[in-house]
Full PDB file with SEQRES, HELIX, SHEET, SSBOND, CRYST1, ORIGX, SCALE, CONECT and MASTER records, all heavy atoms in Angstrom:
SEQRES   1 A   32  THR GLU GLY CYS CYS GLY TYR GLU LEU VAL GLU GLU LYS          
SEQRES   2 A   32  ASP TYR ILE ARG HIS ALA LYS PRO ASN GLY TYR ARG SER          
SEQRES   3 A   32  LEU HIS MET ILE LEU ARG                                      
SHEET    1 AA1 2 LEU A   9  ASP A  14  0                                        
SHEET    2 AA1 2 LEU A  27  LEU A  31 -1                                        
CRYST1    1.000    1.000    1.000  90.00  90.00  90.00 P 1           1          
ORIGX1      1.000000  0.000000  0.000000        0.00000                         
ORIGX2      0.000000  1.000000  0.000000        0.00000                         
ORIGX3      0.000000  0.000000  1.000000        0.00000                         
SCALE1      1.000000  0.000000  0.000000        0.00000                         
SCALE2      0.000000  1.000000  0.000000        0.00000                         
SCALE3      0.000000  0.000000  1.000000        0.00000                         
ATOM      1  N   THR A   1      17.010  14.060   5.881  1.00  0.00           N  
ATOM      2  CA  THR A   1      16.498  12.820   5.288  1.00  0.00           C  
ATOM      3  C   THR A   1      15.050  12.960   4.845  1.00  0.00           C  
ATOM      4  O   THR A   1      14.415  11.976   4.465  1.00  0.00           O  
ATOM      5  CB  THR A   1      16.581  11.654   6.297  1.00  0.00           C  
ATOM      6  OG1 THR A   1      15.857  12.003   7.486  1.00  0.00           O  
ATOM      7  CG2 THR A   1      18.021  11.350   6.646  1.00  0.00           C  
ATOM      8  N   GLU A   2      14.516  14.184   4.897  1.00  0.00           N  
ATOM      9  CA  GLU A   2      13.136  14.385   4.485  1.00  0.00           C  
ATOM     10  C   GLU A   2      13.015  14.348   2.968  1.00  0.00           C  
ATOM     11  O   GLU A   2      13.974  14.580   2.252  1.00  0.00           O  
ATOM     12  CB  GLU A   2      12.616  15.728   5.016  1.00  0.00           C  
ATOM     13  CG  GLU A   2      12.526  15.780   6.522  1.00  0.00           C  
ATOM     14  CD  GLU A   2      11.990  17.117   7.016  1.00  0.00           C  
ATOM     15  OE1 GLU A   2      11.682  17.977   6.173  1.00  0.00           O  
ATOM     16  OE2 GLU A   2      11.900  17.274   8.230  1.00  0.00           O  
ATOM     17  N   GLY A   3      11.809  14.067   2.478  1.00  0.00           N  
ATOM     18  CA  GLY A   3      11.586  14.015   1.041  1.00  0.00           C  
ATOM     19  C   GLY A   3      11.851  12.623   0.507  1.00  0.00           C  
ATOM     20  O   GLY A   3      12.300  11.717   1.217  1.00  0.00           O  
ATOM     21  N   CYS A   4      11.591  12.443  -0.768  1.00  0.00           N  
ATOM     22  CA  CYS A   4      11.677  11.099  -1.337  1.00  0.00           C  
ATOM     23  C   CYS A   4      13.097  10.562  -1.383  1.00  0.00           C  
ATOM     24  O   CYS A   4      13.309   9.359  -1.280  1.00  0.00           O  
ATOM     25  CB  CYS A   4      11.071  11.087  -2.739  1.00  0.00           C  
ATOM     26  SG  CYS A   4      11.933  12.151  -3.929  1.00  0.00           S  
ATOM     27  N   CYS A   5      14.070  11.438  -1.559  1.00  0.00           N  
ATOM     28  CA  CYS A   5      15.451  10.983  -1.732  1.00  0.00           C  
ATOM     29  C   CYS A   5      16.403  11.557  -0.691  1.00  0.00           C  
ATOM     30  O   CYS A   5      17.562  11.170  -0.642  1.00  0.00           O  
ATOM     31  CB  CYS A   5      15.965  11.352  -3.125  1.00  0.00           C  
ATOM     32  SG  CYS A   5      14.967  10.681  -4.470  1.00  0.00           S  
ATOM     33  N   GLY A   6      15.955  12.494   0.111  1.00  0.00           N  
ATOM     34  CA  GLY A   6      16.852  13.133   1.054  1.00  0.00           C  
ATOM     35  C   GLY A   6      17.836  14.047   0.349  1.00  0.00           C  
ATOM     36  O   GLY A   6      17.708  14.354  -0.823  1.00  0.00           O  
ATOM     37  N   TYR A   7      18.836  14.498   1.098  1.00  0.00           N  
ATOM     38  CA  TYR A   7      19.873  15.373   0.552  1.00  0.00           C  
ATOM     39  C   TYR A   7      21.136  14.547   0.360  1.00  0.00           C  
ATOM     40  O   TYR A   7      21.611  13.910   1.282  1.00  0.00           O  
ATOM     41  CB  TYR A   7      20.190  16.514   1.524  1.00  0.00           C  
ATOM     42  CG  TYR A   7      19.129  17.578   1.648  1.00  0.00           C  
ATOM     43  CD1 TYR A   7      17.823  17.371   1.231  1.00  0.00           C  
ATOM     44  CD2 TYR A   7      19.451  18.809   2.199  1.00  0.00           C  
ATOM     45  CE1 TYR A   7      16.863  18.348   1.362  1.00  0.00           C  
ATOM     46  CE2 TYR A   7      18.500  19.802   2.340  1.00  0.00           C  
ATOM     47  CZ  TYR A   7      17.203  19.567   1.918  1.00  0.00           C  
ATOM     48  OH  TYR A   7      16.261  20.539   2.050  1.00  0.00           O  
ATOM     49  N   GLU A   8      21.671  14.587  -0.824  1.00  0.00           N  
ATOM     50  CA  GLU A   8      22.926  13.899  -1.109  1.00  0.00           C  
ATOM     51  C   GLU A   8      24.051  14.918  -1.170  1.00  0.00           C  
ATOM     52  O   GLU A   8      23.951  15.918  -1.879  1.00  0.00           O  
ATOM     53  CB  GLU A   8      22.825  13.159  -2.445  1.00  0.00           C  
ATOM     54  CG  GLU A   8      24.120  12.509  -2.882  1.00  0.00           C  
ATOM     55  CD  GLU A   8      24.089  12.023  -4.317  1.00  0.00           C  
ATOM     56  OE1 GLU A   8      23.005  12.105  -4.946  1.00  0.00           O  
ATOM     57  OE2 GLU A   8      25.145  11.595  -4.812  1.00  0.00           O  
ATOM     58  N   LEU A   9      25.119  14.679  -0.419  1.00  0.00           N  
ATOM     59  CA  LEU A   9      26.299  15.533  -0.491  1.00  0.00           C  
ATOM     60  C   LEU A   9      27.150  15.066  -1.663  1.00  0.00           C  
ATOM     61  O   LEU A   9      27.724  13.980  -1.643  1.00  0.00           O  
ATOM     62  CB  LEU A   9      27.097  15.458   0.809  1.00  0.00           C  
ATOM     63  CG  LEU A   9      28.383  16.289   0.853  1.00  0.00           C  
ATOM     64  CD1 LEU A   9      28.087  17.778   0.685  1.00  0.00           C  
ATOM     65  CD2 LEU A   9      29.136  16.048   2.162  1.00  0.00           C  
ATOM     66  N   VAL A  10      27.224  15.890  -2.696  1.00  0.00           N  
ATOM     67  CA  VAL A  10      27.955  15.539  -3.909  1.00  0.00           C  
ATOM     68  C   VAL A  10      29.418  15.937  -3.784  1.00  0.00           C  
ATOM     69  O   VAL A  10      30.325  15.199  -4.192  1.00  0.00           O  
ATOM     70  CB  VAL A  10      27.314  16.222  -5.135  1.00  0.00           C  
ATOM     71  CG1 VAL A  10      28.128  15.950  -6.400  1.00  0.00           C  
ATOM     72  CG2 VAL A  10      25.873  15.767  -5.306  1.00  0.00           C  
ATOM     73  N   GLU A  11      29.669  17.123  -3.220  1.00  0.00           N  
ATOM     74  CA  GLU A  11      31.037  17.643  -3.123  1.00  0.00           C  
ATOM     75  C   GLU A  11      31.111  18.631  -1.967  1.00  0.00           C  
ATOM     76  O   GLU A  11      30.131  19.322  -1.681  1.00  0.00           O  
ATOM     77  CB  GLU A  11      31.430  18.332  -4.435  1.00  0.00           C  
ATOM     78  CG  GLU A  11      32.860  18.851  -4.473  1.00  0.00           C  
ATOM     79  CD  GLU A  11      33.187  19.480  -5.817  1.00  0.00           C  
ATOM     80  OE1 GLU A  11      32.709  20.599  -6.083  1.00  0.00           O  
ATOM     81  OE2 GLU A  11      33.907  18.842  -6.601  1.00  0.00           O  
ATOM     82  N   GLU A  12      32.263  18.679  -1.339  1.00  0.00           N  
ATOM     83  CA  GLU A  12      32.468  19.633  -0.250  1.00  0.00           C  
ATOM     84  C   GLU A  12      33.908  20.147  -0.305  1.00  0.00           C  
ATOM     85  O   GLU A  12      34.847  19.367  -0.465  1.00  0.00           O  
ATOM     86  CB  GLU A  12      32.199  18.973   1.105  1.00  0.00           C  
ATOM     87  CG  GLU A  12      32.372  19.897   2.291  1.00  0.00           C  
ATOM     88  CD  GLU A  12      31.946  19.241   3.600  1.00  0.00           C  
ATOM     89  OE1 GLU A  12      31.912  17.991   3.657  1.00  0.00           O  
ATOM     90  OE2 GLU A  12      31.662  19.974   4.555  1.00  0.00           O  
ATOM     91  N   LYS A  13      34.058  21.468  -0.190  1.00  0.00           N  
ATOM     92  CA  LYS A  13      35.379  22.078  -0.132  1.00  0.00           C  
ATOM     93  C   LYS A  13      35.402  23.005   1.075  1.00  0.00           C  
ATOM     94  O   LYS A  13      34.644  23.972   1.135  1.00  0.00           O  
ATOM     95  CB  LYS A  13      35.678  22.852  -1.418  1.00  0.00           C  
ATOM     96  CG  LYS A  13      35.798  21.951  -2.644  1.00  0.00           C  
ATOM     97  CD  LYS A  13      36.132  22.744  -3.902  1.00  0.00           C  
ATOM     98  CE  LYS A  13      36.263  21.830  -5.106  1.00  0.00           C  
ATOM     99  NZ  LYS A  13      36.562  22.582  -6.349  1.00  0.00           N  
ATOM    100  N   ASP A  14      36.273  22.706   2.015  1.00  0.00           N  
ATOM    101  CA  ASP A  14      36.354  23.479   3.252  1.00  0.00           C  
ATOM    102  C   ASP A  14      37.498  24.478   3.142  1.00  0.00           C  
ATOM    103  O   ASP A  14      38.657  24.168   3.453  1.00  0.00           O  
ATOM    104  CB  ASP A  14      36.556  22.548   4.448  1.00  0.00           C  
ATOM    105  CG  ASP A  14      36.396  23.271   5.771  1.00  0.00           C  
ATOM    106  OD1 ASP A  14      36.509  24.514   5.781  1.00  0.00           O  
ATOM    107  OD2 ASP A  14      36.154  22.609   6.792  1.00  0.00           O  
ATOM    108  N   TYR A  15      37.150  25.685   2.687  1.00  0.00           N  
ATOM    109  CA  TYR A  15      38.141  26.748   2.582  1.00  0.00           C  
ATOM    110  C   TYR A  15      38.282  27.514   3.896  1.00  0.00           C  
ATOM    111  O   TYR A  15      38.958  28.553   3.928  1.00  0.00           O  
ATOM    112  CB  TYR A  15      37.758  27.718   1.466  1.00  0.00           C  
ATOM    113  CG  TYR A  15      37.750  27.101   0.086  1.00  0.00           C  
ATOM    114  CD1 TYR A  15      36.578  27.053  -0.670  1.00  0.00           C  
ATOM    115  CD2 TYR A  15      38.910  26.561  -0.471  1.00  0.00           C  
ATOM    116  CE1 TYR A  15      36.558  26.498  -1.939  1.00  0.00           C  
ATOM    117  CE2 TYR A  15      38.906  25.999  -1.734  1.00  0.00           C  
ATOM    118  CZ  TYR A  15      37.719  25.977  -2.464  1.00  0.00           C  
ATOM    119  OH  TYR A  15      37.708  25.414  -3.717  1.00  0.00           O  
ATOM    120  N   ILE A  16      37.668  27.018   4.948  1.00  0.00           N  
ATOM    121  CA  ILE A  16      37.887  27.600   6.276  1.00  0.00           C  
ATOM    122  C   ILE A  16      39.115  26.944   6.901  1.00  0.00           C  
ATOM    123  O   ILE A  16      40.047  27.620   7.337  1.00  0.00           O  
ATOM    124  CB  ILE A  16      36.657  27.416   7.171  1.00  0.00           C  
ATOM    125  CG1 ILE A  16      35.453  28.149   6.566  1.00  0.00           C  
ATOM    126  CG2 ILE A  16      36.946  27.932   8.586  1.00  0.00           C  
ATOM    127  CD1 ILE A  16      34.156  27.942   7.319  1.00  0.00           C  
ATOM    128  N   ARG A  17      39.116  25.637   6.905  1.00  0.00           N  
ATOM    129  CA  ARG A  17      40.275  24.909   7.446  1.00  0.00           C  
ATOM    130  C   ARG A  17      41.454  24.951   6.477  1.00  0.00           C  
ATOM    131  O   ARG A  17      42.608  24.818   6.897  1.00  0.00           O  
ATOM    132  CB  ARG A  17      39.879  23.470   7.752  1.00  0.00           C  
ATOM    133  CG  ARG A  17      38.871  23.349   8.893  1.00  0.00           C  
ATOM    134  CD  ARG A  17      38.713  21.907   9.355  1.00  0.00           C  
ATOM    135  NE  ARG A  17      37.926  21.814  10.570  1.00  0.00           N  
ATOM    136  CZ  ARG A  17      36.683  21.338  10.623  1.00  0.00           C  
ATOM    137  NH1 ARG A  17      36.098  20.898   9.517  1.00  0.00           N  
ATOM    138  NH2 ARG A  17      36.032  21.272  11.764  1.00  0.00           N  
ATOM    139  N   HIS A  18      41.154  25.098   5.196  1.00  0.00           N  
ATOM    140  CA  HIS A  18      42.216  25.135   4.172  1.00  0.00           C  
ATOM    141  C   HIS A  18      41.931  26.334   3.276  1.00  0.00           C  
ATOM    142  O   HIS A  18      41.364  26.195   2.188  1.00  0.00           O  
ATOM    143  CB  HIS A  18      42.230  23.837   3.365  1.00  0.00           C  
ATOM    144  CG  HIS A  18      42.335  22.605   4.209  1.00  0.00           C  
ATOM    145  ND1 HIS A  18      43.513  22.201   4.787  1.00  0.00           N  
ATOM    146  CD2 HIS A  18      41.392  21.702   4.605  1.00  0.00           C  
ATOM    147  CE1 HIS A  18      43.305  21.088   5.485  1.00  0.00           C  
ATOM    148  NE2 HIS A  18      42.031  20.776   5.388  1.00  0.00           N  
ATOM    149  N   ALA A  19      42.332  27.520   3.726  1.00  0.00           N  
ATOM    150  CA  ALA A  19      42.038  28.762   3.011  1.00  0.00           C  
ATOM    151  C   ALA A  19      42.721  28.786   1.647  1.00  0.00           C  
ATOM    152  O   ALA A  19      43.776  28.173   1.443  1.00  0.00           O  
ATOM    153  CB  ALA A  19      42.494  29.958   3.835  1.00  0.00           C  
ATOM    154  N   LYS A  20      42.091  29.511   0.708  1.00  0.00           N  
ATOM    155  CA  LYS A  20      42.724  29.719  -0.586  1.00  0.00           C  
ATOM    156  C   LYS A  20      43.967  30.591  -0.409  1.00  0.00           C  
ATOM    157  O   LYS A  20      44.091  31.317   0.585  1.00  0.00           O  
ATOM    158  CB  LYS A  20      41.733  30.388  -1.545  1.00  0.00           C  
ATOM    159  CG  LYS A  20      40.620  29.455  -2.025  1.00  0.00           C  
ATOM    160  CD  LYS A  20      39.791  30.123  -3.111  1.00  0.00           C  
ATOM    161  CE  LYS A  20      38.761  29.167  -3.677  1.00  0.00           C  
ATOM    162  NZ  LYS A  20      37.989  29.779  -4.807  1.00  0.00           N  
ATOM    163  N   PRO A  21      44.886  30.550  -1.363  1.00  0.00           N  
ATOM    164  CA  PRO A  21      46.124  31.334  -1.227  1.00  0.00           C  
ATOM    165  C   PRO A  21      45.896  32.828  -1.003  1.00  0.00           C  
ATOM    166  O   PRO A  21      46.706  33.479  -0.336  1.00  0.00           O  
ATOM    167  CB  PRO A  21      46.848  31.078  -2.560  1.00  0.00           C  
ATOM    168  CG  PRO A  21      46.355  29.730  -2.998  1.00  0.00           C  
ATOM    169  CD  PRO A  21      44.920  29.672  -2.555  1.00  0.00           C  
ATOM    170  N   ASN A  22      44.804  33.381  -1.534  1.00  0.00           N  
ATOM    171  CA  ASN A  22      44.550  34.814  -1.350  1.00  0.00           C  
ATOM    172  C   ASN A  22      43.887  35.135  -0.017  1.00  0.00           C  
ATOM    173  O   ASN A  22      43.628  36.300   0.289  1.00  0.00           O  
ATOM    174  CB  ASN A  22      43.691  35.351  -2.498  1.00  0.00           C  
ATOM    175  CG  ASN A  22      42.263  34.818  -2.476  1.00  0.00           C  
ATOM    176  OD1 ASN A  22      41.965  33.830  -1.816  1.00  0.00           O  
ATOM    177  ND2 ASN A  22      41.386  35.475  -3.226  1.00  0.00           N  
ATOM    178  N   GLY A  23      43.596  34.093   0.798  1.00  0.00           N  
ATOM    179  CA  GLY A  23      42.985  34.311   2.097  1.00  0.00           C  
ATOM    180  C   GLY A  23      41.504  34.012   2.154  1.00  0.00           C  
ATOM    181  O   GLY A  23      40.901  34.029   3.234  1.00  0.00           O  
ATOM    182  N   TYR A  24      40.890  33.745   1.013  1.00  0.00           N  
ATOM    183  CA  TYR A  24      39.444  33.479   0.972  1.00  0.00           C  
ATOM    184  C   TYR A  24      39.092  32.278   1.837  1.00  0.00           C  
ATOM    185  O   TYR A  24      39.739  31.241   1.779  1.00  0.00           O  
ATOM    186  CB  TYR A  24      39.013  33.217  -0.472  1.00  0.00           C  
ATOM    187  CG  TYR A  24      37.568  32.798  -0.616  1.00  0.00           C  
ATOM    188  CD1 TYR A  24      36.556  33.743  -0.706  1.00  0.00           C  
ATOM    189  CD2 TYR A  24      37.212  31.451  -0.651  1.00  0.00           C  
ATOM    190  CE1 TYR A  24      35.222  33.368  -0.843  1.00  0.00           C  
ATOM    191  CE2 TYR A  24      35.896  31.058  -0.793  1.00  0.00           C  
ATOM    192  CZ  TYR A  24      34.903  32.022  -0.883  1.00  0.00           C  
ATOM    193  OH  TYR A  24      33.586  31.633  -1.012  1.00  0.00           O  
ATOM    194  N   ARG A  25      38.045  32.459   2.650  1.00  0.00           N  
ATOM    195  CA  ARG A  25      37.573  31.388   3.515  1.00  0.00           C  
ATOM    196  C   ARG A  25      36.059  31.246   3.386  1.00  0.00           C  
ATOM    197  O   ARG A  25      35.324  32.226   3.397  1.00  0.00           O  
ATOM    198  CB  ARG A  25      37.939  31.665   4.980  1.00  0.00           C  
ATOM    199  CG  ARG A  25      39.420  31.520   5.291  1.00  0.00           C  
ATOM    200  CD  ARG A  25      39.752  32.056   6.670  1.00  0.00           C  
ATOM    201  NE  ARG A  25      41.090  31.715   7.094  1.00  0.00           N  
ATOM    202  CZ  ARG A  25      42.180  32.386   6.742  1.00  0.00           C  
ATOM    203  NH1 ARG A  25      42.085  33.444   5.947  1.00  0.00           N  
ATOM    204  NH2 ARG A  25      43.375  32.006   7.181  1.00  0.00           N  
ATOM    205  N   SER A  26      35.613  30.027   3.283  1.00  0.00           N  
ATOM    206  CA  SER A  26      34.192  29.711   3.224  1.00  0.00           C  
ATOM    207  C   SER A  26      34.088  28.197   3.128  1.00  0.00           C  
ATOM    208  O   SER A  26      35.064  27.523   2.783  1.00  0.00           O  
ATOM    209  CB  SER A  26      33.536  30.372   2.002  1.00  0.00           C  
ATOM    210  OG  SER A  26      32.136  30.194   2.005  1.00  0.00           O  
ATOM    211  N   LEU A  27      32.936  27.655   3.459  1.00  0.00           N  
ATOM    212  CA  LEU A  27      32.700  26.229   3.292  1.00  0.00           C  
ATOM    213  C   LEU A  27      31.711  26.073   2.145  1.00  0.00           C  
ATOM    214  O   LEU A  27      30.596  26.592   2.207  1.00  0.00           O  
ATOM    215  CB  LEU A  27      32.154  25.612   4.583  1.00  0.00           C  
ATOM    216  CG  LEU A  27      32.201  24.085   4.666  1.00  0.00           C  
ATOM    217  CD1 LEU A  27      32.261  23.627   6.120  1.00  0.00           C  
ATOM    218  CD2 LEU A  27      31.001  23.440   3.989  1.00  0.00           C  
ATOM    219  N   HIS A  28      32.139  25.377   1.100  1.00  0.00           N  
ATOM    220  CA  HIS A  28      31.305  25.190  -0.086  1.00  0.00           C  
ATOM    221  C   HIS A  28      30.789  23.758  -0.126  1.00  0.00           C  
ATOM    222  O   HIS A  28      31.550  22.808   0.080  1.00  0.00           O  
ATOM    223  CB  HIS A  28      32.110  25.452  -1.357  1.00  0.00           C  
ATOM    224  CG  HIS A  28      32.473  26.888  -1.544  1.00  0.00           C  
ATOM    225  ND1 HIS A  28      32.821  27.410  -2.770  1.00  0.00           N  
ATOM    226  CD2 HIS A  28      32.524  27.925  -0.683  1.00  0.00           C  
ATOM    227  CE1 HIS A  28      33.088  28.697  -2.661  1.00  0.00           C  
ATOM    228  NE2 HIS A  28      32.927  29.036  -1.391  1.00  0.00           N  
ATOM    229  N   MET A  29      29.521  23.616  -0.417  1.00  0.00           N  
ATOM    230  CA  MET A  29      28.910  22.299  -0.544  1.00  0.00           C  
ATOM    231  C   MET A  29      28.073  22.252  -1.813  1.00  0.00           C  
ATOM    232  O   MET A  29      27.397  23.224  -2.148  1.00  0.00           O  
ATOM    233  CB  MET A  29      27.992  22.003   0.651  1.00  0.00           C  
ATOM    234  CG  MET A  29      28.640  22.107   2.001  1.00  0.00           C  
ATOM    235  SD  MET A  29      27.383  22.168   3.316  1.00  0.00           S  
ATOM    236  CE  MET A  29      26.598  20.576   3.112  1.00  0.00           C  
ATOM    237  N   ILE A  30      28.130  21.125  -2.497  1.00  0.00           N  
ATOM    238  CA  ILE A  30      27.188  20.842  -3.577  1.00  0.00           C  
ATOM    239  C   ILE A  30      26.277  19.735  -3.085  1.00  0.00           C  
ATOM    240  O   ILE A  30      26.731  18.625  -2.779  1.00  0.00           O  
ATOM    241  CB  ILE A  30      27.898  20.403  -4.875  1.00  0.00           C  
ATOM    242  CG1 ILE A  30      28.912  21.448  -5.329  1.00  0.00           C  
ATOM    243  CG2 ILE A  30      26.865  20.131  -5.967  1.00  0.00           C  
ATOM    244  CD1 ILE A  30      28.307  22.782  -5.682  1.00  0.00           C  
ATOM    245  N   LEU A  31      25.000  20.055  -2.969  1.00  0.00           N  
ATOM    246  CA  LEU A  31      23.999  19.080  -2.565  1.00  0.00           C  
ATOM    247  C   LEU A  31      23.161  18.712  -3.775  1.00  0.00           C  
ATOM    248  O   LEU A  31      23.007  19.506  -4.713  1.00  0.00           O  
ATOM    249  CB  LEU A  31      23.091  19.661  -1.478  1.00  0.00           C  
ATOM    250  CG  LEU A  31      23.754  20.145  -0.195  1.00  0.00           C  
ATOM    251  CD1 LEU A  31      22.764  20.955   0.637  1.00  0.00           C  
ATOM    252  CD2 LEU A  31      24.295  18.970   0.612  1.00  0.00           C  
ATOM    253  N   ARG A  32      22.610  17.511  -3.736  1.00  0.00           N  
ATOM    254  CA  ARG A  32      21.630  17.125  -4.750  1.00  0.00           C  
ATOM    255  C   ARG A  32      20.315  16.887  -4.021  1.00  0.00           C  
ATOM    256  O   ARG A  32      20.223  16.033  -3.136  1.00  0.00           O  
ATOM    257  CB  ARG A  32      22.080  15.888  -5.510  1.00  0.00           C  
ATOM    258  CG  ARG A  32      21.324  15.670  -6.826  1.00  0.00           C  
ATOM    259  CD  ARG A  32      22.046  14.656  -7.701  1.00  0.00           C  
ATOM    260  NE  ARG A  32      21.304  14.359  -8.906  1.00  0.00           N  
ATOM    261  CZ  ARG A  32      21.379  15.054 -10.042  1.00  0.00           C  
ATOM    262  NH1 ARG A  32      22.186  16.100 -10.089  1.00  0.00           N  
ATOM    263  NH2 ARG A  32      20.673  14.720 -11.093  1.00  0.00           N  
TER     264      ARG A  32                                                      
MASTER        0    0    0    0    2    0    0    6  263    1    0    3          
END                                                                             
């Protein structure tokens, strides 16, 4: 919450709990 606007979570894709078909795992986030 630091800064004038803080961090906004725009999008999140959890490829750890829901792996891609090829097995790829990672947690992706788009912050603003």
